[in-house]
Amino acid sequence: MTPELTVLALAALLQSVQFCLMAIPANMELGPGKTASPRDPQRLSKPLMDQASVGTGRLFRAMNNHFEALILFTIAVVVITLGDKGTGFSAICAWTYLAARILYVPAYYFGWVPWRSLIWFVGFFATLLMILSALF
């Protein structure tokens, strides 16, 4: 398996860990009556994320942010892998993405301003560099 695919697999596992980090406190705070419900707007006064504590809400937003980032990173890995454009540079970019995403979780949870945004940008930029490296 290529380094980029390895990192993609690890990023998927990170997403699973982030889900657990968010879901366990959310279920404890809100109860299964809400978290297991169909979440119809008529039934809830506001979205579950808005009903959770500050920390759990941040974990929820960090998880959703990773879903969004993972889409672009997956595209980068597919382009690199199917285009047979993997290099040491693309591998470094992939590992940089993963490191940034791991650091992003505590940065978001603890409200590290402006570091959270900087960490996000490092992962985003590493992903863009992977795509660009495949094109040139």
C-alpha atoms as a PDB file:
ATOM      1  CA  MET A   1       0.000   0.000   0.000  1.00  0.00           C
ATOM      2  CA  THR A   2       1.258   3.478  -0.823  1.00  0.00           C
ATOM      3  CA  PRO A   3       2.043   5.924   1.989  1.00  0.00           C
ATOM      4  CA  GLU A   4      -0.829   8.131   0.832  1.00  0.00           C
ATOM      5  CA  LEU A   5      -3.316   5.250   1.071  1.00  0.00           C
ATOM      6  CA  THR A   6      -1.964   4.320   4.493  1.00  0.00           C
ATOM      7  CA  VAL A   7      -2.545   7.870   5.701  1.00  0.00           C
ATOM      8  CA  LEU A   8      -6.044   7.837   4.186  1.00  0.00           C
ATOM      9  CA  ALA A   9      -6.844   4.673   6.154  1.00  0.00           C
ATOM     10  CA  LEU A  10      -5.474   6.264   9.334  1.00  0.00           C
ATOM     11  CA  ALA A  11      -7.468   9.433   8.659  1.00  0.00           C
ATOM     12  CA  ALA A  12     -10.617   7.298   8.432  1.00  0.00           C
ATOM     13  CA  LEU A  13      -9.749   5.732  11.786  1.00  0.00           C
ATOM     14  CA  LEU A  14      -9.211   9.223  13.199  1.00  0.00           C
ATOM     15  CA  GLN A  15     -12.706  10.098  11.998  1.00  0.00           C
ATOM     16  CA  SER A  16     -14.045   7.103  13.923  1.00  0.00           C
ATOM     17  CA  VAL A  17     -12.197   8.200  17.060  1.00  0.00           C
ATOM     18  CA  GLN A  18     -13.585  11.715  16.665  1.00  0.00           C
ATOM     19  CA  PHE A  19     -17.089  10.290  16.374  1.00  0.00           C
ATOM     20  CA  CYS A  20     -16.655   8.418  19.668  1.00  0.00           C
ATOM     21  CA  LEU A  21     -15.135  11.469  21.368  1.00  0.00           C
ATOM     22  CA  MET A  22     -18.259  13.419  20.430  1.00  0.00           C
ATOM     23  CA  ALA A  23     -20.952  10.740  20.730  1.00  0.00           C
ATOM     24  CA  ILE A  24     -20.171   9.487  24.228  1.00  0.00           C
ATOM     25  CA  PRO A  25     -20.468  12.861  25.991  1.00  0.00           C
ATOM     26  CA  ALA A  26     -23.393  13.856  23.736  1.00  0.00           C
ATOM     27  CA  ASN A  27     -25.324  10.762  24.794  1.00  0.00           C
ATOM     28  CA  MET A  28     -24.461  11.344  28.447  1.00  0.00           C
ATOM     29  CA  GLU A  29     -25.513  15.013  28.305  1.00  0.00           C
ATOM     30  CA  LEU A  30     -28.604  14.794  26.114  1.00  0.00           C
ATOM     31  CA  GLY A  31     -29.775  11.236  26.682  1.00  0.00           C
ATOM     32  CA  PRO A  32     -30.638   8.562  24.139  1.00  0.00           C
ATOM     33  CA  GLY A  33     -34.178   9.907  23.800  1.00  0.00           C
ATOM     34  CA  LYS A  34     -32.735  12.815  21.862  1.00  0.00           C
ATOM     35  CA  THR A  35     -29.606  11.328  20.299  1.00  0.00           C
ATOM     36  CA  ALA A  36     -31.375   8.213  18.979  1.00  0.00           C
ATOM     37  CA  SER A  37     -34.422  10.137  17.781  1.00  0.00           C
ATOM     38  CA  PRO A  38     -35.104  11.091  14.145  1.00  0.00           C
ATOM     39  CA  ARG A  39     -34.198  14.655  15.208  1.00  0.00           C
ATOM     40  CA  ASP A  40     -37.222  16.229  13.546  1.00  0.00           C
ATOM     41  CA  PRO A  41     -37.192  20.030  13.902  1.00  0.00           C
ATOM     42  CA  GLN A  42     -40.759  19.954  15.250  1.00  0.00           C
ATOM     43  CA  ARG A  43     -39.605  17.705  18.110  1.00  0.00           C
ATOM     44  CA  LEU A  44     -36.398  19.497  19.070  1.00  0.00           C
ATOM     45  CA  SER A  45     -36.207  23.125  20.083  1.00  0.00           C
ATOM     46  CA  LYS A  46     -32.817  23.452  18.374  1.00  0.00           C
ATOM     47  CA  PRO A  47     -30.184  21.162  16.781  1.00  0.00           C
ATOM     48  CA  LEU A  48     -28.539  18.665  19.117  1.00  0.00           C
ATOM     49  CA  MET A  49     -25.144  20.271  18.629  1.00  0.00           C
ATOM     50  CA  ASP A  50     -26.586  23.503  20.026  1.00  0.00           C
ATOM     51  CA  GLN A  51     -28.056  21.693  23.050  1.00  0.00           C
ATOM     52  CA  ALA A  52     -24.763  20.074  24.062  1.00  0.00           C
ATOM     53  CA  SER A  53     -22.149  21.618  26.326  1.00  0.00           C
ATOM     54  CA  VAL A  54     -19.543  23.926  24.848  1.00  0.00           C
ATOM     55  CA  GLY A  55     -16.889  21.178  24.764  1.00  0.00           C
ATOM     56  CA  THR A  56     -19.167  18.567  23.216  1.00  0.00           C
ATOM     57  CA  GLY A  57     -20.374  21.110  20.663  1.00  0.00           C
ATOM     58  CA  ARG A  58     -16.770  21.816  19.741  1.00  0.00           C
ATOM     59  CA  LEU A  59     -16.067  18.096  19.343  1.00  0.00           C
ATOM     60  CA  PHE A  60     -19.116  17.833  17.080  1.00  0.00           C
ATOM     61  CA  ARG A  61     -17.927  20.742  14.920  1.00  0.00           C
ATOM     62  CA  ALA A  62     -14.372  19.365  14.793  1.00  0.00           C
ATOM     63  CA  MET A  63     -15.747  16.005  13.629  1.00  0.00           C
ATOM     64  CA  ASN A  64     -17.855  17.654  10.921  1.00  0.00           C
ATOM     65  CA  ASN A  65     -14.875  19.750   9.860  1.00  0.00           C
ATOM     66  CA  HIS A  66     -12.845  16.589   9.403  1.00  0.00           C
ATOM     67  CA  PHE A  67     -15.594  15.053   7.264  1.00  0.00           C
ATOM     68  CA  GLU A  68     -15.302  18.107   5.006  1.00  0.00           C
ATOM     69  CA  ALA A  69     -11.488  18.028   4.933  1.00  0.00           C
ATOM     70  CA  LEU A  70     -11.477  14.272   4.372  1.00  0.00           C
ATOM     71  CA  ILE A  71     -13.385  14.687   1.109  1.00  0.00           C
ATOM     72  CA  LEU A  72     -10.650  16.859  -0.424  1.00  0.00           C
ATOM     73  CA  PHE A  73      -7.880  14.712   1.051  1.00  0.00           C
ATOM     74  CA  THR A  74      -9.500  11.574  -0.384  1.00  0.00           C
ATOM     75  CA  ILE A  75      -9.598  13.231  -3.802  1.00  0.00           C
ATOM     76  CA  ALA A  76      -5.895  14.074  -3.454  1.00  0.00           C
ATOM     77  CA  VAL A  77      -5.040  10.478  -2.534  1.00  0.00           C
ATOM     78  CA  VAL A  78      -7.098   9.087  -5.412  1.00  0.00           C
ATOM     79  CA  VAL A  79      -5.451  11.461  -7.892  1.00  0.00           C
ATOM     80  CA  ILE A  80      -1.973  10.610  -6.594  1.00  0.00           C
ATOM     81  CA  THR A  81      -2.637   6.867  -6.484  1.00  0.00           C
ATOM     82  CA  LEU A  82      -4.519   6.363  -9.753  1.00  0.00           C
ATOM     83  CA  GLY A  83      -2.266   8.806 -11.558  1.00  0.00           C
ATOM     84  CA  ASP A  84       0.772   6.904 -10.260  1.00  0.00           C
ATOM     85  CA  LYS A  85       2.178  10.240  -9.078  1.00  0.00           C
ATOM     86  CA  GLY A  86       3.238   9.232  -5.586  1.00  0.00           C
ATOM     87  CA  THR A  87       6.549  10.724  -4.490  1.00  0.00           C
ATOM     88  CA  GLY A  88       8.324  11.392  -1.253  1.00  0.00           C
ATOM     89  CA  PHE A  89       6.829  14.878  -1.408  1.00  0.00           C
ATOM     90  CA  SER A  90       3.257  13.616  -1.690  1.00  0.00           C
ATOM     91  CA  ALA A  91       3.892  11.210   1.199  1.00  0.00           C
ATOM     92  CA  ILE A  92       5.190  14.068   3.370  1.00  0.00           C
ATOM     93  CA  CYS A  93       2.117  16.110   2.455  1.00  0.00           C
ATOM     94  CA  ALA A  94      -0.159  13.220   3.408  1.00  0.00           C
ATOM     95  CA  TRP A  95       1.521  12.726   6.784  1.00  0.00           C
ATOM     96  CA  THR A  96       1.403  16.492   7.351  1.00  0.00           C
ATOM     97  CA  TYR A  97      -2.340  16.433   6.684  1.00  0.00           C
ATOM     98  CA  LEU A  98      -2.837  13.655   9.240  1.00  0.00           C
ATOM     99  CA  ALA A  99      -0.697  15.364  11.879  1.00  0.00           C
ATOM    100  CA  ALA A 100      -2.621  18.596  11.383  1.00  0.00           C
ATOM    101  CA  ARG A 101      -5.953  16.801  11.685  1.00  0.00           C
ATOM    102  CA  ILE A 102      -4.857  15.083  14.896  1.00  0.00           C
ATOM    103  CA  LEU A 103      -3.713  18.409  16.378  1.00  0.00           C
ATOM    104  CA  TYR A 104      -6.912  20.083  15.206  1.00  0.00           C
ATOM    105  CA  VAL A 105      -9.071  18.095  17.660  1.00  0.00           C
ATOM    106  CA  PRO A 106      -7.528  19.432  20.904  1.00  0.00           C
ATOM    107  CA  ALA A 107      -7.028  22.839  19.267  1.00  0.00           C
ATOM    108  CA  TYR A 108     -10.757  23.081  18.607  1.00  0.00           C
ATOM    109  CA  TYR A 109     -11.794  21.537  21.919  1.00  0.00           C
ATOM    110  CA  PHE A 110      -9.622  23.860  24.011  1.00  0.00           C
ATOM    111  CA  GLY A 111     -10.316  26.914  21.839  1.00  0.00           C
ATOM    112  CA  TRP A 112      -6.731  27.616  20.826  1.00  0.00           C
ATOM    113  CA  VAL A 113      -7.082  30.891  18.940  1.00  0.00           C
ATOM    114  CA  PRO A 114      -5.591  31.535  16.388  1.00  0.00           C
ATOM    115  CA  TRP A 115      -3.723  28.211  16.408  1.00  0.00           C
ATOM    116  CA  ARG A 116      -6.784  26.156  15.506  1.00  0.00           C
ATOM    117  CA  SER A 117      -7.152  28.053  12.235  1.00  0.00           C
ATOM    118  CA  LEU A 118      -3.438  27.819  11.506  1.00  0.00           C
ATOM    119  CA  ILE A 119      -3.474  24.049  12.128  1.00  0.00           C
ATOM    120  CA  TRP A 120      -6.496  23.736   9.820  1.00  0.00           C
ATOM    121  CA  PHE A 121      -4.671  25.696   7.125  1.00  0.00           C
ATOM    122  CA  VAL A 122      -1.586  23.447   7.337  1.00  0.00           C
ATOM    123  CA  GLY A 123      -3.738  20.377   6.612  1.00  0.00           C
ATOM    124  CA  PHE A 124      -5.618  22.165   3.828  1.00  0.00           C
ATOM    125  CA  PHE A 125      -2.420  23.454   2.221  1.00  0.00           C
ATOM    126  CA  ALA A 126      -0.771  20.010   2.402  1.00  0.00           C
ATOM    127  CA  THR A 127      -3.783  18.566   0.596  1.00  0.00           C
ATOM    128  CA  LEU A 128      -3.644  21.234  -2.116  1.00  0.00           C
ATOM    129  CA  LEU A 129       0.078  20.612  -2.583  1.00  0.00           C
ATOM    130  CA  MET A 130      -0.619  16.911  -3.116  1.00  0.00           C
ATOM    131  CA  ILE A 131      -3.109  17.698  -5.872  1.00  0.00           C
ATOM    132  CA  LEU A 132      -0.803  20.226  -7.492  1.00  0.00           C
ATOM    133  CA  SER A 133       2.130  17.828  -7.339  1.00  0.00           C
ATOM    134  CA  ALA A 134       0.090  15.268  -9.270  1.00  0.00           C
ATOM    135  CA  LEU A 135      -0.681  17.812 -11.998  1.00  0.00           C
ATOM    136  CA  PHE A 136       2.867  19.071 -12.545  1.00  0.00           C
END
